[in-house]
């Protein structure tokens, strides 16, 4: 495993919500982080069929273009009753014809798909959020960190916090959706808990343990 020996990195994303979450996670470690959007780096086509492949595409593109290490995230919602969909196509389910993204529409699409399969009970609506972080260097070296959190799809969106599908995902052991939790609660930091809660926080914890800690 290669250690990160600089405190300047690129967050390989143009997604405002994702950039904000990674900034929240990485800030306490003293990093200077600029996003690919802020640096006007081109968005590569995500042609992979796995979270790892898409994360690598984004991280390598930003690292090679900037000359700095780059951290990317590819994440998605995996729903058992939908045979793993939307999965790596989670963002695509929110796309409109004009290229914009409408997650209210996407959440409605999820509920309609579950209804088609008569998945109305909590036990039939099991799901997990998956996050794969990729840290890439300009020489092409990559490290991967995967985090998952189990839960189920709530019968209706609840909460306005977070972003994306957060209002319909309720993690196991909790009575609120991610959309009803503060950033600290969602990541698990508020309790000072060694067990991070969110998928992205769990992946980030592995990244810290592998690449930052001595």
N, C-alpha and C. Protein backbone atom coordinates (compact mmCIF):
# COMPACT_ATOMS: atom_id res chain seq x y z
N UNK A 1 0.84 -1.19 0.00
CA UNK A 1 0.00 0.00 0.00
C UNK A 1 0.88 1.25 0.00
N UNK A 2 0.54 2.20 -0.82
CA UNK A 2 1.33 3.43 -0.90
C UNK A 2 0.72 4.50 0.01
N UNK A 3 1.56 5.11 0.82
CA UNK A 3 1.12 6.19 1.70
C UNK A 3 1.02 7.49 0.92
N UNK A 4 0.11 8.34 1.33
CA UNK A 4 -0.05 9.66 0.72
C UNK A 4 0.91 10.62 1.43
N UNK A 5 1.89 11.13 0.69
CA UNK A 5 2.93 11.95 1.31
C UNK A 5 2.76 13.44 1.01
N UNK A 6 1.58 13.83 0.58
CA UNK A 6 1.29 15.24 0.35
C UNK A 6 -0.04 15.58 0.99
N UNK A 7 -0.25 16.83 1.32
CA UNK A 7 -1.53 17.26 1.88
C UNK A 7 -2.32 18.08 0.87
N UNK A 8 -1.92 17.99 -0.40
CA UNK A 8 -2.66 18.66 -1.47
C UNK A 8 -3.17 17.60 -2.43
N UNK A 9 -4.47 17.51 -2.57
CA UNK A 9 -5.06 16.52 -3.47
C UNK A 9 -6.21 17.14 -4.25
N UNK A 10 -6.61 16.43 -5.27
CA UNK A 10 -7.78 16.81 -6.08
C UNK A 10 -8.93 15.87 -5.74
N UNK A 11 -10.11 16.43 -5.49
CA UNK A 11 -11.32 15.62 -5.34
C UNK A 11 -11.89 15.46 -6.74
N UNK A 12 -11.82 14.27 -7.28
CA UNK A 12 -12.16 14.02 -8.68
C UNK A 12 -13.67 13.90 -8.86
N UNK A 13 -14.34 15.04 -8.77
CA UNK A 13 -15.79 15.04 -8.90
C UNK A 13 -16.29 16.40 -9.37
N UNK A 14 -17.45 16.37 -10.05
CA UNK A 14 -18.16 17.59 -10.40
C UNK A 14 -19.51 17.64 -9.68
N UNK A 15 -19.76 16.66 -8.82
CA UNK A 15 -21.02 16.56 -8.08
C UNK A 15 -20.92 17.37 -6.79
N UNK A 16 -21.71 18.43 -6.69
CA UNK A 16 -21.60 19.35 -5.55
C UNK A 16 -21.82 18.66 -4.21
N UNK A 17 -22.82 17.78 -4.15
CA UNK A 17 -23.11 17.07 -2.90
C UNK A 17 -21.97 16.16 -2.49
N UNK A 18 -21.43 15.44 -3.46
CA UNK A 18 -20.32 14.52 -3.18
C UNK A 18 -19.07 15.29 -2.77
N UNK A 19 -18.79 16.40 -3.46
CA UNK A 19 -17.63 17.24 -3.13
C UNK A 19 -17.75 17.73 -1.68
N UNK A 20 -18.94 18.18 -1.30
CA UNK A 20 -19.15 18.69 0.06
C UNK A 20 -18.94 17.60 1.09
N UNK A 21 -19.44 16.39 0.83
CA UNK A 21 -19.27 15.29 1.79
C UNK A 21 -17.81 14.91 1.95
N UNK A 22 -17.08 14.81 0.83
CA UNK A 22 -15.67 14.44 0.92
C UNK A 22 -14.88 15.55 1.62
N UNK A 23 -15.25 16.81 1.36
CA UNK A 23 -14.59 17.93 2.04
C UNK A 23 -14.81 17.85 3.55
N UNK A 24 -16.04 17.48 3.97
CA UNK A 24 -16.34 17.32 5.40
C UNK A 24 -15.48 16.22 6.02
N UNK A 25 -15.29 15.14 5.27
CA UNK A 25 -14.55 14.01 5.79
C UNK A 25 -13.04 14.26 5.84
N UNK A 26 -12.55 14.95 4.83
CA UNK A 26 -11.10 15.11 4.70
C UNK A 26 -10.56 16.34 5.41
N UNK A 27 -11.45 17.31 5.67
CA UNK A 27 -11.03 18.57 6.28
C UNK A 27 -10.24 18.44 7.57
N UNK A 28 -10.69 17.62 8.52
CA UNK A 28 -9.98 17.50 9.80
C UNK A 28 -8.55 16.99 9.70
N UNK A 29 -8.17 16.46 8.54
CA UNK A 29 -6.82 15.92 8.39
C UNK A 29 -5.85 16.92 7.79
N UNK A 30 -6.29 18.16 7.63
CA UNK A 30 -5.38 19.22 7.20
C UNK A 30 -5.05 19.23 5.72
N UNK A 31 -5.95 18.73 4.89
CA UNK A 31 -5.70 18.71 3.46
C UNK A 31 -6.10 20.02 2.79
N UNK A 32 -5.37 20.37 1.76
CA UNK A 32 -5.81 21.37 0.81
C UNK A 32 -6.39 20.59 -0.36
N UNK A 33 -7.69 20.68 -0.55
CA UNK A 33 -8.35 19.89 -1.58
C UNK A 33 -9.13 20.79 -2.54
N UNK A 34 -8.90 20.59 -3.81
CA UNK A 34 -9.65 21.31 -4.84
C UNK A 34 -10.36 20.28 -5.70
N UNK A 35 -11.56 20.61 -6.09
CA UNK A 35 -12.33 19.67 -6.88
C UNK A 35 -11.98 19.78 -8.36
N UNK A 36 -12.28 18.70 -9.08
CA UNK A 36 -12.09 18.71 -10.53
C UNK A 36 -12.93 19.81 -11.17
N UNK A 37 -14.11 20.06 -10.60
CA UNK A 37 -14.96 21.12 -11.12
C UNK A 37 -14.30 22.49 -10.94
N UNK A 38 -13.74 22.72 -9.76
CA UNK A 38 -13.08 23.99 -9.46
C UNK A 38 -11.87 24.22 -10.37
N UNK A 39 -11.18 23.15 -10.74
CA UNK A 39 -10.01 23.25 -11.60
C UNK A 39 -10.36 23.20 -13.08
N UNK A 40 -11.66 23.12 -13.37
CA UNK A 40 -12.16 23.06 -14.76
C UNK A 40 -11.60 21.85 -15.52
N UNK A 41 -11.45 20.74 -14.82
CA UNK A 41 -10.99 19.52 -15.47
C UNK A 41 -12.17 18.85 -16.17
N UNK A 42 -11.90 18.23 -17.29
CA UNK A 42 -12.97 17.57 -18.06
C UNK A 42 -13.52 16.37 -17.28
N UNK A 43 -14.81 16.14 -17.46
CA UNK A 43 -15.44 14.97 -16.85
C UNK A 43 -15.26 13.77 -17.78
N UNK A 44 -14.58 12.72 -17.36
CA UNK A 44 -14.41 11.55 -18.23
C UNK A 44 -15.72 10.77 -18.33
N UNK A 45 -15.87 10.03 -19.41
CA UNK A 45 -17.02 9.15 -19.55
C UNK A 45 -16.85 7.96 -18.61
N UNK A 46 -17.87 7.70 -17.82
CA UNK A 46 -17.83 6.58 -16.87
C UNK A 46 -18.36 5.34 -17.58
N UNK A 47 -17.45 4.62 -18.20
CA UNK A 47 -17.81 3.48 -19.03
C UNK A 47 -17.65 2.14 -18.31
N UNK A 48 -17.27 2.18 -17.05
CA UNK A 48 -17.08 0.94 -16.30
C UNK A 48 -18.39 0.26 -15.95
N UNK A 49 -18.30 -1.01 -15.60
CA UNK A 49 -19.48 -1.77 -15.19
C UNK A 49 -19.44 -2.11 -13.70
N UNK A 50 -18.41 -1.61 -13.00
CA UNK A 50 -18.32 -1.79 -11.55
C UNK A 50 -18.00 -0.45 -10.92
N UNK A 51 -18.25 -0.33 -9.61
CA UNK A 51 -17.90 0.89 -8.89
C UNK A 51 -16.40 1.14 -8.95
N UNK A 52 -15.61 0.07 -8.84
CA UNK A 52 -14.15 0.20 -8.88
C UNK A 52 -13.68 0.75 -10.21
N UNK A 53 -14.22 0.25 -11.30
CA UNK A 53 -13.79 0.71 -12.62
C UNK A 53 -14.11 2.19 -12.83
N UNK A 54 -15.30 2.60 -12.44
CA UNK A 54 -15.67 4.01 -12.62
C UNK A 54 -14.89 4.93 -11.69
N UNK A 55 -14.63 4.48 -10.47
CA UNK A 55 -13.84 5.29 -9.55
C UNK A 55 -12.44 5.49 -10.11
N UNK A 56 -11.85 4.45 -10.68
CA UNK A 56 -10.50 4.55 -11.25
C UNK A 56 -10.48 5.49 -12.44
N UNK A 57 -11.48 5.41 -13.29
CA UNK A 57 -11.54 6.30 -14.46
C UNK A 57 -11.49 7.76 -14.02
N UNK A 58 -12.27 8.10 -13.01
CA UNK A 58 -12.34 9.50 -12.55
C UNK A 58 -11.06 9.94 -11.85
N UNK A 59 -10.54 9.09 -10.98
CA UNK A 59 -9.34 9.47 -10.22
C UNK A 59 -8.13 9.61 -11.13
N UNK A 60 -7.95 8.66 -12.03
CA UNK A 60 -6.80 8.72 -12.93
C UNK A 60 -6.87 9.92 -13.86
N UNK A 61 -8.05 10.24 -14.36
CA UNK A 61 -8.20 11.39 -15.25
C UNK A 61 -7.82 12.68 -14.53
N UNK A 62 -8.30 12.87 -13.30
CA UNK A 62 -8.00 14.09 -12.55
C UNK A 62 -6.53 14.15 -12.14
N UNK A 63 -5.96 13.01 -11.76
CA UNK A 63 -4.58 12.99 -11.32
C UNK A 63 -3.63 13.31 -12.47
N UNK A 64 -3.86 12.69 -13.61
CA UNK A 64 -2.98 12.93 -14.76
C UNK A 64 -3.12 14.35 -15.29
N UNK A 65 -4.35 14.90 -15.24
CA UNK A 65 -4.57 16.26 -15.74
C UNK A 65 -3.99 17.32 -14.80
N UNK A 66 -3.98 17.04 -13.51
CA UNK A 66 -3.54 18.03 -12.52
C UNK A 66 -2.09 17.84 -12.07
N UNK A 67 -1.58 16.62 -12.24
CA UNK A 67 -0.24 16.33 -11.73
C UNK A 67 -0.21 16.10 -10.23
N UNK A 68 -1.37 15.92 -9.62
CA UNK A 68 -1.49 15.73 -8.18
C UNK A 68 -2.22 14.41 -7.88
N UNK A 69 -2.05 13.86 -6.70
CA UNK A 69 -2.88 12.72 -6.32
C UNK A 69 -4.35 13.14 -6.34
N UNK A 70 -5.22 12.24 -6.74
CA UNK A 70 -6.65 12.56 -6.84
C UNK A 70 -7.46 11.47 -6.15
N UNK A 71 -8.48 11.90 -5.44
CA UNK A 71 -9.38 10.98 -4.73
C UNK A 71 -10.76 11.06 -5.37
N UNK A 72 -11.25 9.92 -5.82
CA UNK A 72 -12.58 9.88 -6.43
C UNK A 72 -13.49 8.98 -5.63
N UNK A 73 -14.77 9.12 -5.89
CA UNK A 73 -15.77 8.25 -5.26
C UNK A 73 -16.74 7.80 -6.35
N UNK A 74 -17.01 6.52 -6.41
CA UNK A 74 -18.11 6.04 -7.23
C UNK A 74 -19.02 5.27 -6.29
N UNK A 75 -20.25 5.68 -6.25
CA UNK A 75 -21.16 5.10 -5.27
C UNK A 75 -22.53 4.88 -5.88
N UNK A 76 -23.32 4.08 -5.19
CA UNK A 76 -24.65 3.82 -5.71
C UNK A 76 -25.51 3.06 -4.73
N UNK A 77 -26.77 2.97 -5.10
CA UNK A 77 -27.78 2.29 -4.30
C UNK A 77 -28.07 0.94 -4.94
N UNK A 78 -27.90 -0.12 -4.16
CA UNK A 78 -28.11 -1.49 -4.66
C UNK A 78 -29.33 -2.06 -3.95
N UNK A 79 -30.38 -2.36 -4.73
CA UNK A 79 -31.65 -2.82 -4.16
C UNK A 79 -31.87 -4.28 -4.54
N UNK A 80 -32.01 -5.12 -3.53
CA UNK A 80 -32.10 -6.56 -3.77
C UNK A 80 -33.29 -6.95 -4.63
N UNK A 81 -34.46 -6.37 -4.36
CA UNK A 81 -35.67 -6.74 -5.11
C UNK A 81 -35.60 -6.32 -6.57
N UNK A 82 -34.68 -5.41 -6.88
CA UNK A 82 -34.51 -4.95 -8.27
C UNK A 82 -33.26 -5.56 -8.90
N UNK A 83 -32.84 -6.71 -8.36
CA UNK A 83 -31.68 -7.43 -8.89
C UNK A 83 -30.42 -6.58 -8.88
N UNK A 84 -30.29 -5.73 -7.86
CA UNK A 84 -29.09 -4.92 -7.72
C UNK A 84 -29.17 -3.54 -8.35
N UNK A 85 -30.24 -3.26 -9.07
CA UNK A 85 -30.40 -1.93 -9.67
C UNK A 85 -30.76 -0.92 -8.57
N UNK A 86 -30.50 0.35 -8.82
CA UNK A 86 -29.81 0.93 -9.97
C UNK A 86 -28.29 0.72 -9.98
N UNK A 87 -27.67 0.38 -8.87
CA UNK A 87 -26.26 0.01 -8.86
C UNK A 87 -25.35 1.08 -9.44
N UNK A 88 -24.48 0.67 -10.38
CA UNK A 88 -23.54 1.63 -10.96
C UNK A 88 -24.26 2.68 -11.81
N UNK A 89 -25.53 2.46 -12.09
CA UNK A 89 -26.31 3.41 -12.89
C UNK A 89 -27.20 4.29 -12.01
N UNK A 90 -26.86 4.38 -10.72
CA UNK A 90 -27.67 5.14 -9.78
C UNK A 90 -27.89 6.58 -10.23
N UNK A 91 -26.84 7.25 -10.68
CA UNK A 91 -26.99 8.64 -11.14
C UNK A 91 -27.80 8.71 -12.43
N UNK A 92 -27.67 7.70 -13.28
CA UNK A 92 -28.39 7.70 -14.55
C UNK A 92 -29.90 7.69 -14.36
N UNK A 93 -30.37 7.04 -13.30
CA UNK A 93 -31.80 6.99 -13.05
C UNK A 93 -32.37 8.38 -12.78
N UNK A 94 -31.51 9.33 -12.44
CA UNK A 94 -31.97 10.69 -12.13
C UNK A 94 -31.85 11.63 -13.33
N UNK A 95 -31.30 11.14 -14.44
CA UNK A 95 -31.04 12.03 -15.57
C UNK A 95 -32.30 12.34 -16.37
N UNK A 96 -32.43 13.63 -16.69
CA UNK A 96 -33.48 14.09 -17.58
C UNK A 96 -32.92 14.24 -19.00
N UNK A 97 -33.81 14.47 -19.94
CA UNK A 97 -33.39 14.57 -21.33
C UNK A 97 -32.43 15.73 -21.56
N UNK A 98 -32.55 16.79 -20.75
CA UNK A 98 -31.68 17.95 -20.93
C UNK A 98 -30.32 17.79 -20.24
N UNK A 99 -30.08 16.61 -19.65
CA UNK A 99 -28.81 16.35 -19.00
C UNK A 99 -28.78 16.68 -17.53
N UNK A 100 -29.80 17.35 -17.03
CA UNK A 100 -29.87 17.66 -15.60
C UNK A 100 -30.29 16.42 -14.83
N UNK A 101 -30.13 16.49 -13.49
CA UNK A 101 -30.50 15.35 -12.66
C UNK A 101 -31.61 15.74 -11.70
N UNK A 102 -32.59 14.87 -11.60
CA UNK A 102 -33.76 15.10 -10.75
C UNK A 102 -33.91 13.87 -9.85
N UNK A 103 -33.44 14.00 -8.60
CA UNK A 103 -33.47 12.84 -7.72
C UNK A 103 -34.85 12.58 -7.14
N UNK A 104 -35.72 13.58 -7.13
CA UNK A 104 -37.11 13.31 -6.74
C UNK A 104 -37.73 12.36 -7.75
N UNK A 105 -37.45 12.60 -9.02
CA UNK A 105 -37.92 11.72 -10.09
C UNK A 105 -37.31 10.32 -9.93
N UNK A 106 -36.01 10.28 -9.60
CA UNK A 106 -35.32 9.00 -9.45
C UNK A 106 -35.91 8.19 -8.31
N UNK A 107 -36.20 8.85 -7.18
CA UNK A 107 -36.79 8.14 -6.04
C UNK A 107 -38.19 7.63 -6.38
N UNK A 108 -38.93 8.40 -7.16
CA UNK A 108 -40.25 7.94 -7.61
C UNK A 108 -40.09 6.71 -8.52
N UNK A 109 -39.05 6.73 -9.34
CA UNK A 109 -38.79 5.61 -10.25
C UNK A 109 -38.47 4.34 -9.44
N UNK A 110 -37.71 4.51 -8.36
CA UNK A 110 -37.39 3.37 -7.50
C UNK A 110 -38.66 2.79 -6.89
N UNK A 111 -39.52 3.67 -6.37
CA UNK A 111 -40.75 3.19 -5.75
C UNK A 111 -41.66 2.51 -6.75
N UNK A 112 -41.74 3.04 -7.97
CA UNK A 112 -42.57 2.43 -9.01
C UNK A 112 -42.03 1.04 -9.36
N UNK A 113 -40.71 0.91 -9.44
CA UNK A 113 -40.11 -0.38 -9.77
C UNK A 113 -40.36 -1.41 -8.66
N UNK A 114 -40.29 -0.96 -7.41
CA UNK A 114 -40.58 -1.87 -6.29
C UNK A 114 -42.05 -2.28 -6.29
N UNK A 115 -42.92 -1.33 -6.60
CA UNK A 115 -44.36 -1.64 -6.64
C UNK A 115 -44.66 -2.68 -7.71
N UNK A 116 -43.97 -2.59 -8.84
CA UNK A 116 -44.17 -3.57 -9.92
C UNK A 116 -43.84 -4.98 -9.46
N UNK A 117 -42.94 -5.08 -8.48
CA UNK A 117 -42.54 -6.39 -7.97
C UNK A 117 -43.23 -6.71 -6.64
N UNK A 118 -44.24 -5.91 -6.31
CA UNK A 118 -45.03 -6.09 -5.09
C UNK A 118 -44.16 -6.11 -3.84
N UNK A 119 -43.09 -5.32 -3.86
CA UNK A 119 -42.18 -5.24 -2.71
C UNK A 119 -42.66 -4.12 -1.80
N UNK A 120 -43.60 -4.45 -0.93
CA UNK A 120 -44.21 -3.44 -0.07
C UNK A 120 -43.77 -3.56 1.39
N UNK A 121 -43.35 -4.75 1.81
CA UNK A 121 -42.93 -4.96 3.19
C UNK A 121 -41.45 -4.64 3.35
N UNK A 122 -41.08 -4.21 4.56
CA UNK A 122 -39.69 -3.83 4.82
C UNK A 122 -38.72 -4.95 4.44
N UNK A 123 -39.08 -6.19 4.74
CA UNK A 123 -38.19 -7.32 4.46
C UNK A 123 -37.99 -7.54 2.95
N UNK A 124 -38.91 -7.00 2.15
CA UNK A 124 -38.79 -7.13 0.70
C UNK A 124 -38.05 -5.95 0.07
N UNK A 125 -37.67 -4.96 0.89
CA UNK A 125 -37.11 -3.72 0.34
C UNK A 125 -35.67 -3.49 0.82
N UNK A 126 -34.98 -4.60 1.11
CA UNK A 126 -33.60 -4.49 1.59
C UNK A 126 -32.70 -3.89 0.51
N UNK A 127 -31.74 -3.11 0.97
CA UNK A 127 -30.85 -2.41 0.05
C UNK A 127 -29.56 -2.04 0.76
N UNK A 128 -28.60 -1.60 0.01
CA UNK A 128 -27.37 -1.09 0.61
C UNK A 128 -26.82 0.04 -0.26
N UNK A 129 -26.18 0.98 0.41
CA UNK A 129 -25.41 2.00 -0.28
C UNK A 129 -23.98 1.50 -0.35
N UNK A 130 -23.36 1.65 -1.50
CA UNK A 130 -21.97 1.23 -1.71
C UNK A 130 -21.16 2.44 -2.13
N UNK A 131 -19.98 2.58 -1.56
CA UNK A 131 -19.05 3.63 -1.98
C UNK A 131 -17.68 3.02 -2.19
N UNK A 132 -17.08 3.31 -3.33
CA UNK A 132 -15.71 2.90 -3.60
C UNK A 132 -14.88 4.16 -3.84
N UNK A 133 -13.90 4.38 -2.97
CA UNK A 133 -12.96 5.48 -3.16
C UNK A 133 -11.75 4.94 -3.92
N UNK A 134 -11.25 5.76 -4.83
CA UNK A 134 -10.01 5.42 -5.52
C UNK A 134 -9.05 6.59 -5.35
N UNK A 135 -7.87 6.30 -4.85
CA UNK A 135 -6.80 7.29 -4.76
C UNK A 135 -5.81 6.98 -5.86
N UNK A 136 -5.59 7.93 -6.75
CA UNK A 136 -4.70 7.71 -7.90
C UNK A 136 -3.58 8.73 -7.90
N UNK A 137 -2.43 8.30 -8.37
CA UNK A 137 -1.27 9.16 -8.53
C UNK A 137 -1.01 9.40 -10.02
N UNK A 138 -0.30 10.48 -10.37
CA UNK A 138 -0.02 10.76 -11.78
C UNK A 138 0.71 9.65 -12.51
N UNK A 139 1.44 8.80 -11.78
CA UNK A 139 2.15 7.70 -12.44
C UNK A 139 1.25 6.50 -12.72
N UNK A 140 -0.04 6.62 -12.36
CA UNK A 140 -1.00 5.55 -12.65
C UNK A 140 -1.25 4.59 -11.51
N UNK A 141 -0.54 4.74 -10.39
CA UNK A 141 -0.77 3.86 -9.24
C UNK A 141 -2.13 4.17 -8.62
N UNK A 142 -2.86 3.14 -8.21
CA UNK A 142 -4.18 3.32 -7.60
C UNK A 142 -4.32 2.49 -6.34
N UNK A 143 -5.11 2.99 -5.41
CA UNK A 143 -5.51 2.25 -4.21
C UNK A 143 -7.04 2.37 -4.10
N UNK A 144 -7.70 1.29 -3.67
CA UNK A 144 -9.16 1.27 -3.59
C UNK A 144 -9.63 1.00 -2.16
N UNK A 145 -10.75 1.61 -1.80
CA UNK A 145 -11.33 1.46 -0.47
C UNK A 145 -12.85 1.38 -0.63
N UNK A 146 -13.42 0.27 -0.18
CA UNK A 146 -14.86 0.03 -0.38
C UNK A 146 -15.60 0.06 0.96
N UNK A 147 -16.71 0.78 1.00
CA UNK A 147 -17.56 0.83 2.17
C UNK A 147 -19.00 0.54 1.80
N UNK A 148 -19.71 -0.18 2.66
CA UNK A 148 -21.12 -0.50 2.41
C UNK A 148 -21.91 -0.31 3.70
N UNK A 149 -23.16 0.09 3.56
CA UNK A 149 -24.06 0.17 4.71
C UNK A 149 -25.39 -0.46 4.32
N UNK A 150 -25.85 -1.39 5.15
CA UNK A 150 -27.10 -2.10 4.88
C UNK A 150 -28.29 -1.29 5.39
N UNK A 151 -29.42 -1.47 4.73
CA UNK A 151 -30.63 -0.79 5.15
C UNK A 151 -31.81 -1.26 4.31
N UNK A 152 -32.81 -0.39 4.19
CA UNK A 152 -33.96 -0.70 3.35
C UNK A 152 -34.53 0.59 2.78
N UNK A 153 -35.38 0.43 1.79
CA UNK A 153 -35.99 1.58 1.12
C UNK A 153 -37.27 1.96 1.88
N UNK A 154 -37.29 3.19 2.38
CA UNK A 154 -38.46 3.68 3.10
C UNK A 154 -39.65 3.80 2.15
N UNK A 155 -40.88 3.70 2.67
CA UNK A 155 -42.06 3.75 1.79
C UNK A 155 -42.28 5.11 1.14
N UNK A 156 -41.68 6.16 1.69
CA UNK A 156 -41.79 7.50 1.11
C UNK A 156 -40.56 8.30 1.52
N UNK A 157 -40.14 9.27 0.70
CA UNK A 157 -38.98 10.09 1.06
C UNK A 157 -39.23 10.85 2.36
N UNK A 158 -38.19 10.91 3.21
CA UNK A 158 -38.29 11.66 4.46
C UNK A 158 -36.99 12.44 4.68
N UNK A 159 -37.12 13.73 4.93
CA UNK A 159 -35.96 14.55 5.22
C UNK A 159 -35.44 15.29 4.01
N UNK A 160 -34.75 16.39 4.28
CA UNK A 160 -34.20 17.22 3.20
C UNK A 160 -32.69 17.39 3.31
N UNK A 161 -32.07 16.69 4.25
CA UNK A 161 -30.62 16.76 4.40
C UNK A 161 -29.96 15.82 3.39
N UNK A 162 -28.64 15.92 3.26
CA UNK A 162 -27.92 15.04 2.36
C UNK A 162 -28.21 15.37 0.91
N UNK A 163 -28.13 14.36 0.06
CA UNK A 163 -28.37 14.57 -1.37
C UNK A 163 -28.71 13.22 -2.01
N UNK A 164 -29.07 13.27 -3.26
CA UNK A 164 -29.37 12.03 -3.99
C UNK A 164 -30.53 11.26 -3.40
N UNK A 165 -30.32 9.99 -3.14
CA UNK A 165 -31.36 9.09 -2.66
C UNK A 165 -31.45 9.05 -1.13
N UNK A 166 -30.74 9.91 -0.44
CA UNK A 166 -30.71 9.88 1.02
C UNK A 166 -32.10 9.84 1.68
N UNK A 167 -33.11 10.57 1.15
CA UNK A 167 -34.41 10.57 1.83
C UNK A 167 -35.17 9.24 1.82
N UNK A 168 -34.75 8.28 0.97
CA UNK A 168 -35.47 7.00 0.96
C UNK A 168 -34.65 5.86 1.54
N UNK A 169 -33.41 6.14 1.97
CA UNK A 169 -32.59 5.06 2.51
C UNK A 169 -32.53 5.14 4.02
N UNK A 170 -33.01 4.08 4.69
CA UNK A 170 -32.99 4.00 6.14
C UNK A 170 -32.02 2.90 6.56
N UNK A 171 -30.89 3.27 7.18
CA UNK A 171 -29.91 2.27 7.58
C UNK A 171 -30.43 1.38 8.70
N UNK A 172 -30.00 0.14 8.72
CA UNK A 172 -30.42 -0.79 9.75
C UNK A 172 -30.04 -0.27 11.14
N UNK A 173 -30.97 -0.45 12.08
CA UNK A 173 -30.71 -0.03 13.45
C UNK A 173 -31.05 1.42 13.71
N UNK A 174 -31.60 2.11 12.72
CA UNK A 174 -31.95 3.52 12.87
C UNK A 174 -33.40 3.73 12.46
N UNK A 175 -34.04 4.72 13.08
CA UNK A 175 -35.44 4.99 12.75
C UNK A 175 -35.60 6.20 11.85
N UNK A 176 -34.49 6.70 11.33
CA UNK A 176 -34.53 7.84 10.42
C UNK A 176 -33.75 7.52 9.14
N UNK A 177 -34.12 8.19 8.06
CA UNK A 177 -33.40 8.04 6.80
C UNK A 177 -32.15 8.91 6.83
N UNK A 178 -31.26 8.70 5.89
CA UNK A 178 -30.09 9.57 5.76
C UNK A 178 -30.54 11.02 5.52
N UNK A 179 -31.67 11.18 4.87
CA UNK A 179 -32.19 12.52 4.59
C UNK A 179 -32.65 13.25 5.83
N UNK A 180 -32.81 12.53 6.94
CA UNK A 180 -33.22 13.14 8.21
C UNK A 180 -32.06 13.31 9.18
N UNK A 181 -30.85 12.97 8.74
CA UNK A 181 -29.70 13.04 9.62
C UNK A 181 -28.79 14.20 9.25
N UNK A 182 -28.15 14.77 10.26
CA UNK A 182 -27.12 15.78 10.00
C UNK A 182 -25.91 15.07 9.38
N UNK A 183 -24.99 15.86 8.84
CA UNK A 183 -23.80 15.29 8.24
C UNK A 183 -23.03 14.45 9.25
N UNK A 184 -22.86 14.96 10.47
CA UNK A 184 -22.12 14.22 11.50
C UNK A 184 -22.83 12.92 11.87
N UNK A 185 -24.16 12.98 11.97
CA UNK A 185 -24.91 11.76 12.30
C UNK A 185 -24.79 10.72 11.19
N UNK A 186 -24.92 11.20 9.96
CA UNK A 186 -24.87 10.29 8.81
C UNK A 186 -23.52 9.59 8.73
N UNK A 187 -22.46 10.32 8.96
CA UNK A 187 -21.14 9.72 8.86
C UNK A 187 -20.78 8.92 10.10
N UNK A 188 -21.46 9.19 11.23
CA UNK A 188 -21.18 8.46 12.45
C UNK A 188 -20.22 9.17 13.37
N UNK A 189 -19.74 10.35 12.96
CA UNK A 189 -18.72 11.04 13.75
C UNK A 189 -19.29 11.63 15.06
N UNK A 190 -20.58 11.96 15.07
CA UNK A 190 -21.14 12.67 16.22
C UNK A 190 -20.99 11.88 17.51
N UNK A 191 -21.09 10.57 17.42
CA UNK A 191 -20.99 9.73 18.61
C UNK A 191 -19.55 9.40 18.98
N UNK A 192 -18.60 9.86 18.16
CA UNK A 192 -17.22 9.48 18.39
C UNK A 192 -17.04 7.98 18.19
N UNK A 193 -17.91 7.42 17.36
CA UNK A 193 -17.97 5.98 17.16
C UNK A 193 -16.85 5.52 16.23
N UNK A 194 -16.14 4.47 16.63
CA UNK A 194 -15.10 3.92 15.76
C UNK A 194 -15.71 3.30 14.52
N UNK A 195 -16.99 2.92 14.59
CA UNK A 195 -17.68 2.33 13.45
C UNK A 195 -18.42 3.42 12.69
N UNK A 196 -17.84 3.87 11.59
CA UNK A 196 -18.49 4.88 10.76
C UNK A 196 -19.82 4.34 10.27
N UNK A 197 -20.78 5.21 10.04
CA UNK A 197 -22.12 4.77 9.65
C UNK A 197 -22.29 4.72 8.13
N UNK A 198 -22.09 5.84 7.46
CA UNK A 198 -22.39 5.87 6.03
C UNK A 198 -21.38 5.07 5.22
N UNK A 199 -21.80 4.68 4.04
CA UNK A 199 -20.93 3.94 3.12
C UNK A 199 -19.67 4.73 2.80
N UNK A 200 -19.84 6.04 2.55
CA UNK A 200 -18.69 6.87 2.19
C UNK A 200 -17.75 7.03 3.39
N UNK A 201 -18.31 7.17 4.59
CA UNK A 201 -17.48 7.30 5.79
C UNK A 201 -16.72 6.00 6.06
N UNK A 202 -17.34 4.87 5.79
CA UNK A 202 -16.66 3.60 6.00
C UNK A 202 -15.51 3.42 5.02
N UNK A 203 -15.73 3.81 3.77
CA UNK A 203 -14.65 3.76 2.78
C UNK A 203 -13.55 4.73 3.16
N UNK A 204 -13.95 5.91 3.64
CA UNK A 204 -12.97 6.93 4.01
C UNK A 204 -12.14 6.49 5.21
N UNK A 205 -12.77 5.79 6.14
CA UNK A 205 -12.05 5.27 7.31
C UNK A 205 -10.93 4.32 6.86
N UNK A 206 -11.22 3.47 5.88
CA UNK A 206 -10.21 2.57 5.35
C UNK A 206 -9.08 3.35 4.67
N UNK A 207 -9.46 4.39 3.94
CA UNK A 207 -8.48 5.26 3.27
C UNK A 207 -7.53 5.88 4.30
N UNK A 208 -8.09 6.39 5.39
CA UNK A 208 -7.28 7.02 6.45
C UNK A 208 -6.33 5.99 7.07
N UNK A 209 -6.87 4.82 7.41
CA UNK A 209 -6.06 3.79 8.05
C UNK A 209 -4.93 3.27 7.15
N UNK A 210 -5.20 3.27 5.84
CA UNK A 210 -4.24 2.71 4.89
C UNK A 210 -3.21 3.73 4.42
N UNK A 211 -3.67 4.91 4.06
CA UNK A 211 -2.80 5.87 3.37
C UNK A 211 -2.33 7.04 4.21
N UNK A 212 -2.97 7.27 5.37
CA UNK A 212 -2.61 8.44 6.16
C UNK A 212 -1.92 8.10 7.46
N UNK A 213 -2.38 7.05 8.15
CA UNK A 213 -1.83 6.74 9.45
C UNK A 213 -0.46 6.08 9.33
N UNK A 214 0.42 6.43 10.25
CA UNK A 214 1.78 5.88 10.20
C UNK A 214 1.78 4.39 10.52
